[in-house]
Amino acid sequence: MAVVLIGGFIAFLDFFIVNVAIPSIQHDLGAGAPETQLVMVGYGAALCVGLITGGRMGDLFGPRRMFLTGLALFTVASAACGMAPSIWVLIGARIVQGLASALLAPQVLAIVGHVYTGAARARAFGAYGLMLGLSGLCGQLIGGVLIALNVGGLDWRTIFLINLPIGAVILVLTPKTIPDIRPGAGARLDLAGAALGTVSLAAVMLPLLEGREQGWPLWAWVSLIAAVPLFALFITHQRRLAARDAAPLINPGLFRSRGFTFGVTAYCVYFMSMGSFFLLFAIYMQEGKGLGALASGLLFTTMSVGFFGSSFLATRIAARIGNQVIAVGAGLVAIGYTVVAVIVAQLGTVGAPGWVAPGLLIAGFGMGLVAAPLPAAAMADVDPQHASAASGVLSTAMEGGAALGTSLVGLVFFGVLGDSPVSQDYPRAFYLSIALIVVFPVVAALLVQALPKPAADPAPESSGADTSVGEPVAGH
């Protein structure tokens, strides 16, 4: 678990960590705002459009093999990012890094699903949820600390170069600790489906990630409209392959599972709130309150404390109230965001920013109750043969939800700010945006009501203190 989770952690962390390095990158490489925006967008878009194909490749060629391949490519791309002599080299390396993450990330849940079972599997999902949440909550803080330390005068480059020793160690340990599972040996990759799926997702993701920054030009709307027939063609192609017992990129049978369908939908809607809140909170604190990137990142430690604490309780609470733990957690997230909004409305641009800590603590506690049980509920009935592909769909829902939420809420936030905002405009833009953000976790809590009740786990065969993630399936 330690090996596979660390690999997943650095992949998801790099989605968030670069935010705090943008000013340094602009200054060092002489780049403008549009180019540095591509440093973030390039990674996010490549990650999102490649997750489903990367997941399916894990099913066909083995999750360990794809985990190793993705991690090796990610490590090399990180080195290229850290040594980039120009902004365009950095953008290209970030795109490769995102594609590598798309190959690596889906294998984490797939390996967990293959190796663990019963109560051990629940604990493993708990560890996965903890890893995923901390990668988002700690990204800005870790990036700020690395840049502040300025090891060897490398400044922003350290946020990428730190991946090299970590990646090297995990590459060495993976063959020794992770079993070589080949659930779909002999089947071929659906290349036409992979192309259609990638183009369809790109047609949605690029406008969501770049449209607002460019003032929603015509190409963004054309791309979004074109995505509808592209997705229809992709779905038709997948159904045809499944009807003749071929190997589609995504088996349509996955969506016959009520748990998977509603779980993926709830996951997408839930991350619509997280993606938008993280971005808007950072903008408010830095532009409205005048905090530096590191000081702004330190505020997220309050949320991390709540998240970390509730993550250890989530499995125990789920054992008593089942999937309702997700609804409780989502409700607490909505309450926490609301408390933050009320405090911001009172603070404005003056007053100590630490007053928002109680709201962040409540929201973080709620996140911890959602992070592990929701993906576990979505993946509960998935055939192990399709575990990597299902994980890819789930991860795509997460990344796509974050991008969609940011775009929708951004319409409110930047609409209130106007073209020439001053610091006094940011508090009002923030708390008005929260009115939309809190809707998303509430909808996620309602979707949870449609999830099937989890099956009772068999009683453990032995007693004793539970001090580990769990025992793997016999033979692994």
Protein backbone atom coordinates (compact mmCIF):
# COMPACT_ATOMS: atom_id res chain seq x y z
CA MET A 1 0.00 0.00 0.00
CA ALA A 2 2.80 2.44 0.82
CA VAL A 3 4.45 1.91 -2.57
CA VAL A 4 1.32 2.19 -4.69
CA LEU A 5 -0.07 5.16 -2.73
CA ILE A 6 3.15 7.19 -2.92
CA GLY A 7 3.16 6.65 -6.68
CA GLY A 8 -0.43 7.87 -6.88
CA PHE A 9 0.25 10.76 -4.51
CA ILE A 10 2.96 12.40 -6.63
CA ALA A 11 0.79 12.04 -9.76
CA PHE A 12 -2.20 13.84 -8.21
CA LEU A 13 0.00 16.29 -6.27
CA ASP A 14 1.51 17.67 -9.47
CA PHE A 15 -1.96 18.76 -10.58
CA PHE A 16 -2.06 21.24 -7.65
CA ILE A 17 1.54 21.99 -6.71
CA VAL A 18 2.37 24.14 -9.73
CA ASN A 19 -0.20 26.85 -8.82
CA VAL A 20 2.14 28.55 -6.35
CA ALA A 21 5.09 28.49 -8.78
CA ILE A 22 3.42 30.48 -11.57
CA PRO A 23 4.90 33.92 -10.61
CA SER A 24 8.40 32.44 -10.32
CA ILE A 25 8.07 30.62 -13.65
CA GLN A 26 6.88 33.80 -15.38
CA HIS A 27 9.83 35.78 -14.05
CA ASP A 28 12.50 33.15 -14.65
CA LEU A 29 11.45 32.08 -18.15
CA GLY A 30 10.16 35.47 -19.29
CA ALA A 31 6.72 34.04 -20.03
CA GLY A 32 3.38 35.79 -20.29
CA ALA A 33 0.15 34.84 -18.54
CA PRO A 34 -1.27 32.79 -21.48
CA GLU A 35 1.86 30.62 -21.66
CA THR A 36 2.06 30.00 -17.92
CA GLN A 37 -1.65 29.15 -17.93
CA LEU A 38 -0.79 26.34 -20.36
CA VAL A 39 1.66 24.93 -17.79
CA MET A 40 -1.39 24.11 -15.63
CA VAL A 41 -3.91 23.44 -18.39
CA GLY A 42 -1.56 21.18 -20.36
CA TYR A 43 -1.14 18.82 -17.43
CA GLY A 44 -4.81 18.83 -16.43
CA ALA A 45 -6.10 18.30 -19.97
CA ALA A 46 -3.62 15.51 -20.76
CA LEU A 47 -4.43 13.78 -17.47
CA CYS A 48 -8.18 13.94 -17.95
CA VAL A 49 -8.35 12.86 -21.60
CA GLY A 50 -5.95 9.97 -21.03
CA LEU A 51 -7.38 8.42 -17.86
CA ILE A 52 -9.94 6.12 -19.49
CA THR A 53 -7.47 4.78 -22.05
CA GLY A 54 -4.81 4.44 -19.35
CA GLY A 55 -7.23 2.52 -17.17
CA ARG A 56 -8.17 0.14 -19.96
CA MET A 57 -4.50 -0.51 -20.73
CA GLY A 58 -4.13 -1.62 -17.11
CA ASP A 59 -6.89 -4.18 -17.61
CA LEU A 60 -5.29 -5.51 -20.81
CA PHE A 61 -1.59 -5.46 -20.00
CA GLY A 62 -1.63 -5.64 -16.22
CA PRO A 63 -1.94 -2.79 -13.67
CA ARG A 64 1.58 -3.31 -12.31
CA ARG A 65 3.15 -3.06 -15.75
CA MET A 66 1.22 0.12 -16.56
CA PHE A 67 1.95 1.54 -13.10
CA LEU A 68 5.67 1.05 -13.74
CA THR A 69 5.49 2.42 -17.27
CA GLY A 70 3.53 5.48 -16.19
CA LEU A 71 5.80 6.12 -13.20
CA ALA A 72 8.98 5.83 -15.32
CA LEU A 73 7.59 8.25 -17.92
CA PHE A 74 6.38 10.60 -15.16
CA THR A 75 9.83 10.65 -13.56
CA VAL A 76 11.57 11.41 -16.87
CA ALA A 77 9.01 14.13 -17.68
CA SER A 78 9.55 15.64 -14.20
CA ALA A 79 13.27 15.88 -14.92
CA ALA A 80 12.49 17.64 -18.21
CA CYS A 81 10.18 20.07 -16.38
CA GLY A 82 12.80 20.82 -13.74
CA MET A 83 15.51 21.50 -16.34
CA ALA A 84 13.31 23.27 -18.92
CA PRO A 85 15.26 26.14 -20.58
CA SER A 86 12.13 27.81 -21.97
CA ILE A 87 8.41 28.06 -21.29
CA TRP A 88 7.47 25.98 -24.34
CA VAL A 89 9.77 23.13 -23.32
CA LEU A 90 8.13 23.27 -19.88
CA ILE A 91 4.64 23.16 -21.42
CA GLY A 92 5.56 20.16 -23.59
CA ALA A 93 7.09 18.32 -20.62
CA ARG A 94 3.98 19.05 -18.53
CA ILE A 95 1.75 17.50 -21.21
CA VAL A 96 3.92 14.37 -21.21
CA GLN A 97 3.80 14.38 -17.41
CA GLY A 98 -0.02 14.53 -17.54
CA LEU A 99 -0.21 11.61 -19.99
CA ALA A 100 2.12 9.61 -17.73
CA SER A 101 -0.14 10.35 -14.76
CA ALA A 102 -3.14 9.19 -16.79
CA LEU A 103 -1.39 5.84 -17.24
CA LEU A 104 -0.26 5.62 -13.61
CA ALA A 105 -3.21 6.93 -11.58
CA PRO A 106 -5.98 4.44 -12.54
CA GLN A 107 -3.77 1.51 -11.59
CA VAL A 108 -3.78 2.50 -7.91
CA LEU A 109 -7.45 1.65 -7.32
CA ALA A 110 -7.20 -1.32 -9.66
CA ILE A 111 -4.31 -2.85 -7.71
CA VAL A 112 -6.15 -2.25 -4.43
CA GLY A 113 -9.26 -3.93 -5.87
CA HIS A 114 -7.31 -6.96 -7.05
CA VAL A 115 -5.08 -7.49 -4.01
CA TYR A 116 -7.41 -6.79 -1.07
CA THR A 117 -10.80 -8.14 -0.11
CA GLY A 118 -13.37 -7.79 2.67
CA ALA A 119 -12.49 -5.58 5.63
CA ALA A 120 -8.92 -5.24 4.38
CA ARG A 121 -10.25 -3.78 1.13
CA ALA A 122 -12.29 -1.19 3.05
CA ARG A 123 -9.17 -0.11 4.96
CA ALA A 124 -7.21 0.03 1.71
CA PHE A 125 -9.85 2.29 0.15
CA GLY A 126 -9.60 4.42 3.27
CA ALA A 127 -5.87 4.82 2.74
CA TYR A 128 -6.49 5.68 -0.92
CA GLY A 129 -9.01 8.37 0.03
CA LEU A 130 -6.56 9.82 2.54
CA MET A 131 -3.84 9.96 -0.13
CA LEU A 132 -6.13 11.58 -2.68
CA GLY A 133 -7.42 14.22 -0.26
CA LEU A 134 -4.00 15.13 1.10
CA SER A 135 -2.57 15.50 -2.41
CA GLY A 136 -5.14 18.23 -3.06
CA LEU A 137 -5.05 19.88 0.35
CA CYS A 138 -1.27 19.88 0.71
CA GLY A 139 -0.27 20.71 -2.87
CA GLN A 140 -0.12 24.45 -2.42
CA LEU A 141 1.60 24.17 0.97
CA ILE A 142 4.26 21.72 -0.23
CA GLY A 143 4.94 23.84 -3.30
CA GLY A 144 5.24 26.99 -1.21
CA VAL A 145 7.67 25.34 1.21
CA LEU A 146 9.89 23.96 -1.58
CA ILE A 147 10.05 27.33 -3.31
CA ALA A 148 10.71 29.15 -0.02
CA LEU A 149 13.59 26.78 0.81
CA ASN A 150 15.12 27.46 -2.64
CA VAL A 151 17.46 24.46 -2.39
CA GLY A 152 20.58 25.01 -4.48
CA GLY A 153 19.08 28.19 -5.91
CA LEU A 154 16.70 26.07 -7.99
CA ASP A 155 13.61 28.03 -6.91
CA TRP A 156 10.47 26.69 -8.71
CA ARG A 157 12.38 23.84 -10.33
CA THR A 158 12.47 21.93 -7.04
CA ILE A 159 8.71 21.20 -7.24
CA PHE A 160 9.46 18.99 -10.25
CA LEU A 161 12.94 17.69 -9.39
CA ILE A 162 11.70 16.34 -6.03
CA ASN A 163 9.88 13.67 -8.06
CA LEU A 164 13.15 12.14 -9.29
CA PRO A 165 14.39 10.45 -6.07
CA ILE A 166 10.82 9.51 -5.09
CA GLY A 167 10.10 8.02 -8.52
CA ALA A 168 13.40 6.12 -8.56
CA VAL A 169 12.74 4.49 -5.17
CA ILE A 170 9.17 3.50 -6.09
CA LEU A 171 10.35 2.05 -9.42
CA VAL A 172 12.79 -0.19 -7.56
CA LEU A 173 10.27 -1.29 -4.92
CA THR A 174 7.25 -1.88 -7.18
CA PRO A 175 8.30 -5.26 -8.68
CA LYS A 176 9.12 -6.51 -5.18
CA THR A 177 5.87 -5.47 -3.50
CA ILE A 178 3.07 -5.43 -6.10
CA PRO A 179 1.83 -8.67 -7.73
CA ASP A 180 1.86 -9.01 -11.52
CA ILE A 181 -1.87 -9.26 -12.31
CA ARG A 182 -3.02 -9.84 -15.92
CA PRO A 183 -6.83 -9.76 -15.88
CA GLY A 184 -7.31 -9.19 -19.63
CA ALA A 185 -4.35 -11.02 -21.12
CA GLY A 186 -4.82 -11.74 -24.83
CA ALA A 187 -7.36 -8.98 -25.55
CA ARG A 188 -6.53 -6.06 -27.83
CA LEU A 189 -6.77 -2.38 -27.07
CA ASP A 190 -9.74 -0.69 -28.76
CA LEU A 191 -7.70 1.89 -30.68
CA ALA A 192 -10.72 3.43 -32.44
CA GLY A 193 -12.51 3.76 -29.10
CA ALA A 194 -9.40 5.25 -27.50
CA ALA A 195 -9.16 7.84 -30.28
CA LEU A 196 -12.87 8.70 -30.10
CA GLY A 197 -12.84 8.88 -26.31
CA THR A 198 -9.75 11.06 -26.23
CA VAL A 199 -11.06 13.49 -28.84
CA SER A 200 -14.49 13.65 -27.13
CA LEU A 201 -12.98 14.42 -23.74
CA ALA A 202 -10.58 16.96 -25.25
CA ALA A 203 -13.54 18.71 -26.92
CA VAL A 204 -15.03 19.23 -23.46
CA MET A 205 -11.96 19.75 -21.30
CA LEU A 206 -10.06 22.33 -23.38
CA PRO A 207 -12.95 24.86 -23.42
CA LEU A 208 -13.59 24.29 -19.71
CA LEU A 209 -9.94 24.83 -18.83
CA GLU A 210 -9.12 27.64 -21.29
CA GLY A 211 -12.46 29.18 -22.29
CA ARG A 212 -12.84 31.62 -19.41
CA GLU A 213 -9.20 32.72 -19.57
CA GLN A 214 -9.66 33.63 -23.26
CA GLY A 215 -13.05 35.28 -22.83
CA TRP A 216 -15.08 32.34 -24.18
CA PRO A 217 -14.12 32.67 -27.87
CA LEU A 218 -16.06 31.03 -30.70
CA TRP A 219 -13.81 27.97 -30.83
CA ALA A 220 -14.71 27.11 -27.23
CA TRP A 221 -18.45 26.99 -27.99
CA VAL A 222 -17.92 25.08 -31.25
CA SER A 223 -15.81 22.54 -29.36
CA LEU A 224 -18.45 22.04 -26.66
CA ILE A 225 -21.20 21.59 -29.26
CA ALA A 226 -19.07 19.14 -31.26
CA ALA A 227 -18.51 17.07 -28.12
CA VAL A 228 -22.16 15.91 -28.15
CA PRO A 229 -22.06 13.94 -31.44
CA LEU A 230 -18.52 12.78 -30.67
CA PHE A 231 -19.65 11.23 -27.38
CA ALA A 232 -22.69 9.72 -29.11
CA LEU A 233 -20.41 8.11 -31.69
CA PHE A 234 -18.08 6.84 -28.95
CA ILE A 235 -20.97 5.27 -26.99
CA THR A 236 -22.38 3.63 -30.15
CA HIS A 237 -18.96 2.19 -30.96
CA GLN A 238 -18.55 0.78 -27.45
CA ARG A 239 -21.99 -0.87 -27.57
CA ARG A 240 -21.28 -2.48 -30.93
CA LEU A 241 -18.03 -3.98 -29.67
CA ALA A 242 -19.71 -5.29 -26.52
CA ALA A 243 -22.58 -6.81 -28.58
CA ARG A 244 -20.15 -8.99 -30.52
CA ASP A 245 -18.11 -9.93 -27.42
CA ALA A 246 -15.12 -7.81 -28.46
CA ALA A 247 -13.09 -5.71 -26.01
CA PRO A 248 -14.47 -2.14 -25.82
CA LEU A 249 -12.51 0.60 -24.10
CA ILE A 250 -15.31 0.89 -21.52
CA ASN A 251 -17.60 -2.07 -21.11
CA PRO A 252 -21.18 -0.72 -21.18
CA GLY A 253 -22.03 -3.37 -18.59
CA LEU A 254 -20.22 -1.23 -16.01
CA PHE A 255 -23.10 1.24 -16.12
CA ARG A 256 -25.70 -1.46 -15.54
CA SER A 257 -24.46 -1.37 -11.96
CA ARG A 258 -26.53 1.18 -10.06
CA GLY A 259 -23.72 1.62 -7.56
CA PHE A 260 -21.16 2.45 -10.24
CA THR A 261 -23.44 4.78 -12.22
CA PHE A 262 -24.66 6.81 -9.27
CA GLY A 263 -21.27 6.61 -7.57
CA VAL A 264 -19.46 8.09 -10.57
CA THR A 265 -22.12 10.80 -10.92
CA ALA A 266 -21.92 11.73 -7.24
CA TYR A 267 -18.10 11.75 -7.46
CA CYS A 268 -18.23 14.17 -10.41
CA VAL A 269 -20.71 16.52 -8.72
CA TYR A 270 -18.82 16.43 -5.42
CA PHE A 271 -15.54 17.44 -7.08
CA MET A 272 -17.31 20.32 -8.79
CA SER A 273 -17.33 21.94 -5.36
CA MET A 274 -13.78 21.03 -4.36
CA GLY A 275 -12.10 22.22 -7.55
CA SER A 276 -13.88 25.56 -7.56
CA PHE A 277 -13.54 26.25 -3.82
CA PHE A 278 -9.79 25.59 -3.73
CA LEU A 279 -9.13 27.97 -6.61
CA LEU A 280 -11.43 30.77 -5.46
CA PHE A 281 -10.28 30.61 -1.85
CA ALA A 282 -6.64 30.94 -2.94
CA ILE A 283 -7.49 33.89 -5.21
CA TYR A 284 -9.45 35.65 -2.45
CA MET A 285 -6.70 35.22 0.12
CA GLN A 286 -3.92 36.35 -2.22
CA GLU A 287 -5.66 39.11 -4.19
CA GLY A 288 -8.26 40.22 -1.65
CA LYS A 289 -6.29 39.76 1.59
CA GLY A 290 -2.82 40.25 0.16
CA LEU A 291 -1.37 36.98 1.50
CA GLY A 292 1.60 35.28 -0.11
CA ALA A 293 1.36 31.82 -1.65
CA LEU A 294 2.92 30.13 1.38
CA ALA A 295 0.72 31.95 3.90
CA SER A 296 -2.35 31.12 1.82
CA GLY A 297 -1.25 27.49 1.64
CA LEU A 298 -0.81 27.35 5.41
CA LEU A 299 -4.52 28.09 5.87
CA PHE A 300 -5.26 24.81 4.11
CA THR A 301 -3.56 22.98 6.98
CA THR A 302 -6.70 23.65 9.05
CA MET A 303 -8.74 21.83 6.44
CA SER A 304 -6.10 19.08 6.34
CA VAL A 305 -6.39 18.55 10.10
CA GLY A 306 -10.14 18.01 9.82
CA PHE A 307 -9.70 15.76 6.80
CA PHE A 308 -6.95 13.70 8.40
CA GLY A 309 -8.93 13.22 11.61
CA SER A 310 -12.21 12.13 10.01
CA SER A 311 -10.48 9.82 7.50
CA PHE A 312 -9.68 7.45 10.37
CA LEU A 313 -13.30 7.49 11.50
CA ALA A 314 -14.95 7.11 8.08
CA THR A 315 -14.70 3.32 7.89
CA ARG A 316 -16.04 2.84 11.42
CA ILE A 317 -18.94 5.19 10.80
CA ALA A 318 -19.67 3.52 7.46
CA ALA A 319 -19.85 0.17 9.25
CA ARG A 320 -22.77 1.56 11.29
CA ILE A 321 -24.68 3.76 8.85
CA GLY A 322 -23.47 2.46 5.49
CA ASN A 323 -23.32 4.86 2.55
CA GLN A 324 -25.06 7.57 4.58
CA VAL A 325 -21.61 8.45 5.89
CA ILE A 326 -21.04 10.00 2.43
CA ALA A 327 -24.21 12.09 2.72
CA VAL A 328 -23.20 13.25 6.21
CA GLY A 329 -19.74 14.19 4.95
CA ALA A 330 -21.08 16.07 1.93
CA GLY A 331 -23.51 17.94 4.19
CA LEU A 332 -20.65 18.98 6.49
CA VAL A 333 -18.68 20.20 3.48
CA ALA A 334 -21.63 22.43 2.48
CA ILE A 335 -21.94 23.73 6.07
CA GLY A 336 -18.20 24.41 6.29
CA TYR A 337 -18.18 26.36 3.03
CA THR A 338 -21.20 28.35 4.21
CA VAL A 339 -19.44 29.24 7.48
CA VAL A 340 -16.40 30.41 5.51
CA ALA A 341 -18.63 32.55 3.26
CA VAL A 342 -20.37 34.18 6.24
CA ILE A 343 -17.04 34.98 7.89
CA VAL A 344 -15.60 36.37 4.64
CA ALA A 345 -18.68 38.60 4.29
CA GLN A 346 -17.84 40.04 7.73
CA LEU A 347 -14.06 40.21 7.25
CA GLY A 348 -13.94 41.80 3.83
CA THR A 349 -10.37 42.83 3.17
CA VAL A 350 -9.57 43.53 6.83
CA GLY A 351 -9.39 41.33 9.90
CA ALA A 352 -7.25 38.29 10.57
CA PRO A 353 -7.64 35.58 7.89
CA GLY A 354 -7.43 32.95 10.63
CA TRP A 355 -11.10 33.60 11.45
CA VAL A 356 -12.05 31.32 8.53
CA ALA A 357 -10.36 28.36 10.26
CA PRO A 358 -13.54 26.92 11.90
CA GLY A 359 -15.32 26.75 8.54
CA LEU A 360 -12.30 25.13 6.90
CA LEU A 361 -12.07 22.62 9.75
CA ILE A 362 -15.74 21.61 9.32
CA ALA A 363 -15.37 21.32 5.55
CA GLY A 364 -12.18 19.29 5.92
CA PHE A 365 -13.86 16.94 8.39
CA GLY A 366 -16.68 16.39 5.92
CA MET A 367 -14.23 15.71 3.09
CA GLY A 368 -12.62 12.96 5.12
CA LEU A 369 -15.98 11.21 5.45
CA VAL A 370 -16.47 11.29 1.68
CA ALA A 371 -12.96 10.61 0.37
CA ALA A 372 -12.80 6.84 0.94
CA PRO A 373 -16.44 5.62 1.16
CA LEU A 374 -17.56 7.22 -2.14
CA PRO A 375 -15.01 5.59 -4.48
CA ALA A 376 -15.40 2.36 -2.49
CA ALA A 377 -19.17 2.43 -3.03
CA ALA A 378 -18.73 3.14 -6.74
CA MET A 379 -16.23 0.31 -7.21
CA ALA A 380 -17.94 -2.24 -4.94
CA ASP A 381 -19.69 -4.25 -7.68
CA VAL A 382 -17.10 -3.77 -10.44
CA ASP A 383 -15.77 -6.99 -12.01
CA PRO A 384 -12.02 -7.18 -11.28
CA GLN A 385 -11.50 -7.77 -15.01
CA HIS A 386 -12.60 -4.16 -15.60
CA ALA A 387 -11.14 -2.60 -12.43
CA SER A 388 -8.56 -0.38 -14.15
CA ALA A 389 -11.04 0.90 -16.76
CA ALA A 390 -13.61 1.62 -14.03
CA SER A 391 -10.94 3.43 -12.02
CA GLY A 392 -10.11 5.47 -15.12
CA VAL A 393 -13.77 6.47 -15.50
CA LEU A 394 -13.92 7.41 -11.81
CA SER A 395 -10.75 9.50 -12.02
CA THR A 396 -12.04 11.18 -15.18
CA ALA A 397 -15.25 12.07 -13.33
CA MET A 398 -13.14 13.62 -10.59
CA GLU A 399 -10.94 15.71 -12.90
CA GLY A 400 -13.82 16.60 -15.21
CA GLY A 401 -16.00 17.59 -12.27
CA ALA A 402 -13.29 19.88 -10.89
CA ALA A 403 -12.89 21.58 -14.28
CA LEU A 404 -16.64 21.92 -14.85
CA GLY A 405 -17.23 23.31 -11.36
CA THR A 406 -14.43 25.83 -11.75
CA SER A 407 -15.84 27.01 -15.09
CA LEU A 408 -19.42 27.37 -13.81
CA VAL A 409 -18.49 29.06 -10.56
CA GLY A 410 -15.93 31.17 -12.41
CA LEU A 411 -18.76 32.73 -14.39
CA VAL A 412 -20.17 34.08 -11.10
CA PHE A 413 -16.86 34.95 -9.45
CA PHE A 414 -15.19 36.74 -12.35
CA GLY A 415 -18.51 38.22 -13.45
CA VAL A 416 -18.83 39.98 -10.08
CA LEU A 417 -15.20 41.09 -10.18
CA GLY A 418 -15.54 42.74 -13.58
CA ASP A 419 -12.70 43.81 -15.86
CA SER A 420 -10.77 46.01 -13.42
CA PRO A 421 -11.19 44.55 -9.94
CA VAL A 422 -9.71 46.07 -6.80
CA SER A 423 -9.07 44.24 -3.53
CA GLN A 424 -12.44 45.28 -2.07
CA ASP A 425 -14.28 43.42 -4.87
CA TYR A 426 -12.90 39.99 -3.99
CA PRO A 427 -14.81 39.28 -0.75
CA ARG A 428 -18.21 39.89 -2.39
CA ALA A 429 -17.27 37.83 -5.45
CA PHE A 430 -16.15 35.01 -3.16
CA TYR A 431 -19.16 34.74 -0.86
CA LEU A 432 -21.64 35.10 -3.75
CA SER A 433 -19.83 32.24 -5.52
CA ILE A 434 -20.13 30.06 -2.41
CA ALA A 435 -23.93 30.21 -2.85
CA LEU A 436 -23.45 28.11 -6.00
CA ILE A 437 -20.60 25.96 -4.68
CA VAL A 438 -22.62 24.62 -1.72
CA VAL A 439 -25.25 23.27 -4.11
CA PHE A 440 -22.83 20.64 -5.43
CA PRO A 441 -22.18 18.68 -2.19
CA VAL A 442 -25.92 18.83 -1.42
CA VAL A 443 -26.70 17.26 -4.82
CA ALA A 444 -23.99 14.66 -4.20
CA ALA A 445 -25.64 13.78 -0.86
CA LEU A 446 -28.97 13.29 -2.66
CA LEU A 447 -27.38 11.05 -5.30
CA VAL A 448 -25.94 8.89 -2.53
CA GLN A 449 -29.51 7.92 -1.60
CA ALA A 450 -29.70 5.93 -4.85
CA LEU A 451 -26.63 3.81 -4.02
CA PRO A 452 -27.37 0.18 -3.10
CA LYS A 453 -26.77 -0.81 0.49
CA PRO A 454 -23.30 -2.30 0.95
CA ALA A 455 -23.10 -6.03 1.53
CA ALA A 456 -22.03 -7.07 5.01
CA ASP A 457 -18.39 -8.15 5.23
CA PRO A 458 -17.67 -11.59 6.62
CA ALA A 459 -16.37 -11.67 10.15
CA PRO A 460 -12.59 -11.67 10.41
CA GLU A 461 -10.98 -15.04 11.00
CA SER A 462 -8.65 -13.84 13.68
CA SER A 463 -8.76 -11.31 16.45
CA GLY A 464 -6.24 -8.75 17.51
CA ALA A 465 -5.46 -5.11 17.14
CA ASP A 466 -5.95 -3.66 13.70
CA THR A 467 -2.76 -1.72 13.11
CA SER A 468 -2.30 -2.16 9.36
CA VAL A 469 -4.10 -1.32 6.16
CA GLY A 470 -5.11 -4.94 5.90
CA GLU A 471 -4.04 -8.37 4.78
CA PRO A 472 -3.90 -9.03 1.04
CA VAL A 473 -5.79 -11.78 -0.71
CA ALA A 474 -4.17 -15.19 -0.27
CA GLY A 475 -1.54 -15.81 -2.94
CA HIS A 476 -0.51 -12.15 -3.18
